Protein backbone atom coordinates (compact mmCIF):
# COMPACT_ATOMS: atom_id res chain seq x y z
CA MET A 1 0.30 -0.04 0.38
CA ARG A 2 2.93 2.59 0.88
CA LYS A 3 4.68 1.52 -2.06
CA HIS A 4 1.09 2.03 -4.01
CA SER A 5 1.46 5.65 -2.59
CA ARG A 6 4.91 6.57 -3.47
CA ASN A 7 4.91 5.15 -7.29
CA LEU A 8 1.78 7.90 -7.24
CA ARG A 9 2.97 10.88 -5.78
CA SER A 10 6.27 9.23 -8.32
CA GLY A 11 4.37 10.01 -11.10
CA ARG A 12 2.59 13.16 -10.00
CA ARG A 13 5.47 14.75 -9.73
CA ILE A 14 6.45 13.85 -13.36
CA ALA A 15 3.96 14.57 -14.86
CA ARG A 16 4.69 18.39 -13.21
CA GLN A 17 8.02 18.30 -14.38
CA TRP A 18 7.06 17.53 -17.81
CA ARG A 19 4.08 20.39 -17.84
CA LEU A 20 6.65 22.92 -16.75
CA ILE A 21 8.95 21.65 -20.31
CA ALA A 22 6.19 22.01 -22.07
CA ILE A 23 5.36 25.36 -21.09
CA ALA A 24 8.91 26.48 -20.94
CA LEU A 25 9.06 25.26 -24.94
CA ALA A 26 6.48 27.14 -25.53
CA VAL A 27 7.59 30.51 -24.47
CA CYS A 28 10.72 30.10 -26.37
CA LEU A 29 9.24 29.01 -29.22
CA VAL A 30 7.01 31.98 -28.89
CA GLY A 31 10.03 34.73 -28.39
CA ALA A 32 11.91 33.10 -31.25
CA ALA A 33 8.52 33.65 -33.31
CA ALA A 34 8.60 37.41 -32.02
CA ALA A 35 12.41 37.68 -32.78
CA SER A 36 11.65 36.56 -36.38
CA SER A 37 9.17 38.70 -36.78
CA THR A 38 10.42 41.71 -35.25
CA SER A 39 14.17 40.93 -37.59
CA GLY A 40 12.37 40.98 -40.97
CA ALA A 41 12.48 44.81 -40.09
CA GLU A 42 15.85 45.08 -39.41
CA ARG A 43 18.34 45.35 -41.78
CA ALA A 44 20.74 43.27 -42.23
CA PRO A 45 25.28 44.53 -41.73
CA ASP A 46 25.44 44.04 -45.36
CA GLU A 47 22.49 45.21 -47.03
CA PRO A 48 21.83 48.82 -48.58
CA LEU A 49 20.19 51.22 -46.27
CA ARG A 50 16.90 51.86 -46.75
CA VAL A 51 15.92 55.15 -47.29
CA ALA A 52 12.07 56.03 -47.70
CA VAL A 53 12.05 59.15 -50.17
CA TYR A 54 8.54 61.67 -49.37
CA ASP A 55 7.04 61.78 -52.77
CA VAL A 56 6.78 65.54 -53.11
CA PRO A 57 8.48 67.51 -55.61
CA PRO A 58 11.05 69.51 -56.06
CA TYR A 59 12.36 67.60 -52.84
CA GLY A 60 11.77 64.57 -53.78
CA SER A 61 10.15 61.99 -56.77
CA VAL A 62 10.18 59.32 -58.53
CA ASP A 63 9.73 59.10 -62.67
CA ALA A 64 7.84 56.28 -64.51
CA GLU A 65 11.32 55.09 -65.40
CA GLY A 66 12.23 54.87 -61.34
CA LEU A 67 14.46 57.15 -61.04
CA PHE A 68 14.54 59.12 -58.49
CA SER A 69 15.17 63.55 -57.96
CA GLY A 70 15.39 66.55 -56.25
CA ALA A 71 16.97 68.88 -53.59
CA SER A 72 16.94 66.05 -50.99
CA VAL A 73 17.50 63.37 -53.42
CA ASP A 74 20.83 65.27 -54.11
CA LEU A 75 21.90 66.35 -50.95
CA TRP A 76 21.31 63.06 -49.79
CA ARG A 77 23.85 61.15 -52.16
CA ARG A 78 26.11 63.72 -51.53
CA VAL A 79 26.15 62.89 -48.11
CA ALA A 80 26.82 58.94 -49.51
CA GLU A 81 29.54 59.84 -51.58
CA ASP A 82 31.34 61.36 -48.47
CA LEU A 83 30.49 59.32 -45.94
CA HIS A 84 31.19 55.91 -48.29
CA LEU A 85 27.11 54.27 -47.46
CA THR A 86 25.40 52.18 -50.06
CA TYR A 87 21.48 52.91 -50.46
CA ARG A 88 18.39 52.05 -51.90
CA PHE A 89 15.17 54.74 -52.13
CA ILE A 90 12.26 54.08 -51.84
CA ALA A 91 9.23 56.20 -52.35
CA VAL A 92 6.79 57.29 -50.01
CA ALA A 93 3.14 59.19 -51.18
CA GLN A 94 2.12 60.11 -47.49
CA MET A 95 3.66 61.65 -44.45
CA GLU A 96 2.23 59.66 -42.07
CA ASP A 97 3.76 56.01 -43.38
CA VAL A 98 7.05 57.57 -43.96
CA ILE A 99 7.18 58.86 -40.17
CA ALA A 100 5.13 55.21 -38.66
CA GLY A 101 7.83 53.38 -41.17
CA VAL A 102 11.38 55.45 -39.51
CA GLU A 103 9.70 54.60 -35.88
CA ARG A 104 9.34 51.00 -36.86
CA GLY A 105 12.32 50.11 -37.78
CA GLN A 106 11.20 49.99 -41.17
CA PHE A 107 13.34 52.61 -43.16
CA ASP A 108 16.90 53.52 -41.67
CA ALA A 109 16.37 57.02 -42.80
CA ALA A 110 13.34 59.39 -44.82
CA ILE A 111 14.71 62.32 -46.64
CA GLY A 112 12.38 64.92 -48.53
CA ALA A 113 10.03 67.65 -47.70
CA ILE A 114 9.88 66.36 -43.73
CA THR A 115 9.92 70.02 -41.84
CA ILE A 116 10.75 69.71 -38.47
CA THR A 117 7.66 69.99 -36.36
CA PRO A 118 7.19 69.36 -32.75
CA ASP A 119 4.63 66.48 -33.48
CA ARG A 120 6.96 64.45 -35.43
CA LEU A 121 10.05 64.91 -33.09
CA ALA A 122 7.89 62.39 -30.37
CA HIS A 123 8.33 59.70 -32.76
CA VAL A 124 11.69 60.30 -35.18
CA GLU A 125 14.88 61.82 -34.92
CA PHE A 126 16.21 63.99 -37.01
CA THR A 127 18.90 65.23 -38.75
CA TYR A 128 21.30 69.18 -38.64
CA PRO A 129 18.91 70.65 -41.13
CA ALA A 130 18.78 69.85 -44.68
CA HIS A 131 16.46 73.15 -46.09
CA ARG A 132 15.41 76.53 -44.73
CA SER A 133 12.32 76.54 -45.14
CA GLY A 134 8.64 78.37 -43.86
CA VAL A 135 4.34 77.44 -43.69
CA ALA A 136 3.29 79.54 -46.79
CA VAL A 137 0.18 80.22 -47.80
CA ALA A 138 -1.20 79.93 -51.61
CA PHE A 139 -4.13 82.57 -52.47
CA PRO A 140 -6.77 82.94 -55.92
CA LYS A 141 -5.71 85.04 -58.03
CA GLN A 142 -7.46 88.43 -57.11
CA THR A 143 -8.95 90.31 -60.70
CA GLY A 144 -11.69 92.36 -61.04
CA PRO A 145 -13.26 96.25 -59.63
CA ILE A 146 -13.45 94.41 -55.67
CA ALA A 147 -10.47 93.28 -55.98
CA ALA A 148 -8.90 96.42 -57.16
CA VAL A 149 -10.86 98.33 -54.74
CA ILE A 150 -9.51 96.12 -51.81
CA SER A 151 -5.83 96.63 -53.31
CA TYR A 152 -6.09 100.16 -52.71
CA VAL A 153 -7.27 100.24 -49.51
CA ALA A 154 -4.40 97.56 -48.58
CA VAL A 155 -2.21 99.78 -50.26
CA VAL A 156 -3.11 102.85 -48.35
CA ARG A 157 -3.04 101.55 -45.11
CA ASP A 158 0.11 100.52 -46.02
CA LEU A 159 1.35 103.84 -46.35
CA GLY A 160 -0.99 104.92 -43.59
CA SER A 161 2.27 106.92 -41.81
CA LEU A 162 3.17 109.10 -44.58
CA ILE A 163 -0.97 109.82 -44.46
CA ILE A 164 -0.64 111.43 -41.52
CA LEU A 165 2.00 113.52 -42.04
CA THR A 166 0.41 114.90 -44.84
CA LEU A 167 -2.18 115.98 -43.20
CA GLY A 168 -1.08 116.88 -40.04
CA LEU A 169 1.06 119.63 -41.88
CA LEU A 170 -2.09 120.78 -44.23
CA VAL A 171 -3.65 121.67 -40.72
CA LEU A 172 -0.19 123.27 -39.35
CA ILE A 173 0.70 125.91 -42.35
CA GLY A 174 -3.20 126.12 -42.43
CA ALA A 175 -3.13 127.33 -38.47
CA LEU A 176 -0.09 129.54 -39.05
CA MET A 177 -1.47 131.33 -41.82
CA TRP A 178 -4.43 131.57 -40.00
CA VAL A 179 -2.26 133.16 -36.93
CA PHE A 180 -0.33 135.59 -39.41
CA GLU A 181 -2.91 136.79 -41.63
CA ARG A 182 -6.05 137.46 -39.58
CA ARG A 183 -4.76 140.63 -37.88
CA ARG A 184 -4.31 142.28 -41.22
CA ARG A 185 -8.27 141.05 -42.04
CA LEU A 186 -10.43 144.43 -41.35
CA THR A 187 -7.21 146.17 -43.70
CA ALA A 188 -7.70 143.60 -46.69
CA ASN A 189 -8.71 145.54 -49.99
CA PRO A 190 -12.54 144.36 -50.09
CA SER A 191 -11.24 143.00 -53.43
CA GLU A 192 -9.34 140.45 -51.53
CA ARG A 193 -10.33 137.61 -49.76
CA ALA A 194 -7.63 137.25 -47.18
CA VAL A 195 -7.61 134.74 -44.02
CA ALA A 196 -10.30 135.41 -41.80
CA SER A 197 -10.52 131.98 -40.51
CA LEU A 198 -8.97 128.16 -39.09
CA SER A 199 -10.89 126.85 -42.10
CA ASP A 200 -9.83 129.93 -44.43
CA GLY A 201 -6.25 128.89 -43.45
CA ILE A 202 -6.46 124.89 -43.56
CA TYR A 203 -8.93 125.26 -47.32
CA TRP A 204 -6.42 127.61 -48.16
CA ALA A 205 -3.03 124.73 -47.10
CA ALA A 206 -5.14 122.85 -49.50
CA VAL A 207 -5.59 124.08 -52.44
CA THR A 208 -2.24 125.17 -53.02
CA MET A 209 -0.85 121.52 -51.47
CA THR A 210 -3.09 120.28 -54.85
CA THR A 211 -1.86 123.02 -57.43
CA VAL A 212 -4.88 123.85 -57.98
CA GLY A 213 -5.01 127.33 -56.62
CA TYR A 214 -8.10 128.97 -57.01
CA GLY A 215 -6.74 132.30 -55.44
CA ASP A 216 -9.93 132.99 -54.19
CA VAL A 217 -8.05 133.27 -50.81
CA THR A 218 -4.77 134.57 -50.62
CA PRO A 219 -2.15 135.48 -48.52
CA ILE A 220 -1.46 139.94 -47.78
CA THR A 221 1.02 140.37 -44.67
CA PRO A 222 5.00 139.40 -45.78
CA VAL A 223 5.15 137.12 -43.11
CA GLY A 224 2.28 134.48 -45.19
CA ARG A 225 3.90 134.57 -48.04
CA PHE A 226 6.66 133.48 -46.88
CA ILE A 227 4.76 130.82 -45.76
CA ALA A 228 3.12 130.48 -48.76
CA VAL A 229 6.49 129.95 -51.54
CA LEU A 230 7.54 127.37 -48.51
CA TRP A 231 4.62 125.68 -48.62
CA MET A 232 4.86 125.70 -52.01
CA LEU A 233 7.73 124.23 -52.49
CA GLY A 234 7.06 121.01 -49.59
CA SER A 235 3.82 120.22 -50.63
CA LEU A 236 4.94 119.74 -54.17
CA THR A 237 7.73 117.31 -52.64
CA LEU A 238 4.94 115.62 -49.72
CA ILE A 239 2.45 114.92 -52.87
CA SER A 240 5.36 113.57 -55.23
CA LEU A 241 6.43 111.58 -52.91
CA LEU A 242 2.72 110.54 -51.81
CA THR A 243 2.11 109.53 -55.55
CA THR A 244 5.22 108.08 -55.98
CA SER A 245 4.88 105.43 -52.88
CA LEU A 246 0.89 104.37 -53.87
CA VAL A 247 1.93 103.50 -57.27
CA SER A 248 5.00 101.96 -56.37
CA ARG A 249 2.57 99.73 -53.86
CA MET A 250 0.26 99.36 -56.46
CA THR A 251 2.59 98.12 -59.65
CA ALA A 252 3.84 95.50 -57.05
CA ASP A 253 1.22 94.58 -55.79
CA ALA A 254 -0.56 94.09 -58.76
CA VAL A 255 2.99 92.01 -59.81
CA THR A 256 2.97 89.51 -56.99
CA SER A 257 -1.27 89.86 -57.27
CA THR A 258 -1.50 88.81 -53.27
CA PRO A 259 -0.96 90.41 -50.15
CA ILE A 260 1.80 89.55 -47.86
CA ALA A 261 0.07 86.43 -45.83
CA ARG A 262 -0.82 86.73 -41.48
CA THR A 263 -2.36 84.55 -39.55
CA SER A 264 -5.56 86.67 -39.04
CA ASP A 265 -5.97 86.33 -43.45
CA LEU A 266 -7.28 82.68 -42.68
CA ASP A 267 -10.00 83.07 -40.39
CA GLY A 268 -12.75 83.22 -41.92
CA LYS A 269 -11.79 81.47 -44.83
CA ARG A 270 -12.50 77.79 -46.52
CA LEU A 271 -8.34 76.39 -45.96
CA ALA A 272 -7.50 73.40 -47.75
CA ALA A 273 -3.58 71.22 -46.51
CA VAL A 274 -2.45 68.27 -47.75
CA ALA A 275 -2.72 65.29 -44.75
CA ASP A 276 0.00 65.08 -42.32
CA SER A 277 2.16 68.26 -43.92
CA SER A 278 3.63 70.87 -41.95
CA GLY A 279 0.71 73.21 -43.10
CA ALA A 280 -1.96 70.92 -41.72
CA GLU A 281 -0.34 70.76 -38.28
CA TYR A 282 0.26 74.53 -38.93
CA LEU A 283 -2.89 74.90 -38.96
CA ASP A 284 -4.15 72.66 -36.56
CA GLU A 285 -1.67 74.60 -33.99
CA GLN A 286 -3.65 77.63 -34.83
CA HIS A 287 -6.47 75.62 -34.26
CA LEU A 288 -8.05 76.68 -37.54
CA HIS A 289 -10.84 74.13 -39.66
CA TYR A 290 -9.36 72.99 -43.21
CA MET A 291 -9.88 70.47 -46.14
CA LYS A 292 -7.62 67.70 -45.87
CA TYR A 293 -6.39 66.63 -49.52
CA ALA A 294 -4.21 63.51 -50.63
CA ASN A 295 -1.91 65.76 -52.74
CA LEU A 296 -0.75 69.34 -52.91
CA LYS A 297 -1.85 69.13 -57.00
CA ASP A 298 -5.14 68.30 -54.91
CA ALA A 299 -5.29 71.00 -52.54
CA LEU A 300 -3.96 73.86 -55.43
CA ALA A 301 -7.11 72.78 -57.75
CA SER A 302 -9.73 73.55 -55.21
CA LEU A 303 -8.34 77.09 -54.72
CA VAL A 304 -8.48 77.58 -58.76
CA ARG A 305 -12.22 75.49 -58.76
CA GLY A 306 -13.60 77.87 -55.77
CA ASN A 307 -13.51 75.03 -53.74
CA SER A 308 -11.24 76.68 -51.23
CA ASP A 309 -10.18 80.24 -50.45
CA ALA A 310 -6.37 79.56 -49.42
CA VAL A 311 -3.99 76.42 -49.09
CA VAL A 312 -1.38 76.33 -46.56
CA ASN A 313 1.81 74.62 -47.39
CA SER A 314 5.70 74.33 -46.87
CA VAL A 315 6.93 77.45 -48.86
CA GLY A 316 9.18 75.46 -50.87
CA ALA A 317 6.72 73.05 -52.32
CA LEU A 318 3.89 75.43 -53.03
CA GLU A 319 6.12 77.58 -55.01
CA TYR A 320 7.36 75.07 -57.01
CA ALA A 321 3.59 72.83 -57.61
CA ILE A 322 1.84 76.57 -58.72
CA SER A 323 4.96 77.17 -61.42
CA THR A 324 4.53 74.24 -62.72
CA TYR A 325 1.08 73.35 -62.45
CA PHE A 326 -0.63 76.63 -61.90
CA SER A 327 1.25 79.39 -64.02
CA GLY A 328 -0.53 82.51 -64.13
CA VAL A 329 -3.35 81.48 -62.57
CA ILE A 330 -2.53 81.13 -58.99
CA PRO A 331 -0.32 83.99 -57.43
CA MET A 332 3.37 83.32 -56.08
CA PRO A 333 2.80 83.28 -51.99
CA ASN A 334 3.76 86.16 -50.72
CA GLY A 335 6.19 86.22 -46.97
CA ILE A 336 6.08 83.30 -44.35
CA LEU A 337 3.20 82.85 -41.65
CA ALA A 338 5.54 80.84 -39.48
CA PRO A 339 9.56 80.02 -40.46
CA ALA A 340 11.25 76.45 -40.39
CA TYR A 341 13.29 73.90 -41.28
CA MET A 342 13.90 70.33 -43.02
CA ALA A 343 15.59 67.78 -42.20
CA PHE A 344 16.61 63.60 -42.46
CA ALA A 345 14.23 61.38 -40.62
CA LEU A 346 16.06 58.79 -38.31
CA PRO A 347 14.38 55.87 -35.96
CA PRO A 348 15.49 57.20 -32.36
CA ASN A 349 18.59 56.23 -31.08
CA SER A 350 20.24 56.15 -34.82
CA PRO A 351 24.20 55.85 -35.06
CA LEU A 352 23.81 56.84 -38.46
CA LYS A 353 22.97 60.53 -36.54
CA LYS A 354 26.34 61.82 -35.92
CA PRO A 355 28.73 60.76 -38.64
CA LEU A 356 25.16 62.78 -40.99
CA ASP A 357 25.01 66.18 -39.00
CA ARG A 358 28.24 66.32 -39.43
CA ALA A 359 28.03 65.71 -43.51
CA LEU A 360 25.22 68.17 -44.07
CA ILE A 361 26.68 70.75 -41.80
CA GLU A 362 29.91 70.17 -44.26
CA ILE A 363 28.02 70.28 -47.79
CA THR A 364 25.49 72.55 -46.54
CA ALA A 365 27.95 75.25 -45.59
CA ASN A 366 29.51 74.88 -49.20
CA ALA A 367 28.90 77.82 -51.89
CA SER A 368 28.36 75.20 -54.81
CA TRP A 369 25.52 73.47 -52.72
CA ARG A 370 24.30 77.71 -51.55
CA SER A 371 23.87 78.02 -55.42
CA LEU A 372 22.56 75.11 -56.66
CA GLU A 373 19.20 74.85 -54.10
CA PRO A 374 17.70 77.65 -55.25
CA LYS A 375 17.18 76.74 -58.40
CA TYR A 376 15.62 73.45 -57.75
CA PHE A 377 12.34 75.76 -56.65
CA GLY A 378 13.35 78.15 -60.16
CA ARG A 379 14.34 80.69 -57.87
């Protein structure tokens, strides 16, 4: 009986041991499978770097034959040559896929129109800035009498200080003329009308400044006539300055066909931006509602069709898209809403960061690259 009990307990121990061994084997198999799936995203040491190219010209794009080109592509080629790196390009159409792929280690680097933003910094690392950029806005071309009135009002607003100075001098000269002429108003020749009141003085200063010169009000005293001569010469200068400034501003506005953009100009407008772009992130920061588009060409087309009032995007890509697809239809952006920089995106703790930073600093500071880069944007 005792022997049977001991055999029973021994059998139970053996069964427990086998169960533990089976559990350990299962854990090892699961870990191996997970490691195998993870290693699928990792690059073997002898394989070329996987470089994602965000497909937005002129920073990076691929043609029908699979050839890559653009400012970021050529900059990467210079960096890779300097560091003796082997690589292969992979075109990616959506910014969301670019950032997610770099974060997961699917790509070893990403290049193109990738702006450094706080939201992206939370997911990936960035190299030393590769391109200077900024968020800009494109407005539709303004035509017709209403647009002319709006342009005129905007120019007058810009020249407000000069206009206020001119009006102030006009009132001052009119007041001085009245002060020196009022003592002679009783002894004046009945056939002549002297400056008998302040309103007469301002009226005389206005008609003299505009070179109308009706002659119905004239200064009589020597001091008054001396002031009149000075005012005639000075008013000619003021009118010439005001006229030339007004004409030059309106001419410049007609050439650019769009006012300098400010964030306040976006209030109440139907805005458009490419999804997950730097323009979209800027509008999100400003808490402004906008319509999302898959690419910049479609967003600008909505501007032409009248479905939107403004398109917000990085200035370089915006200028290139307008000059390529909508030249003469959409004016070039005038000014920048917010300055920004573009860089290569890397996975967190990437060993490529330090060598890429050194190479980018040397190459972007070189005069040959600084003279070549603007040509990608048609500048």
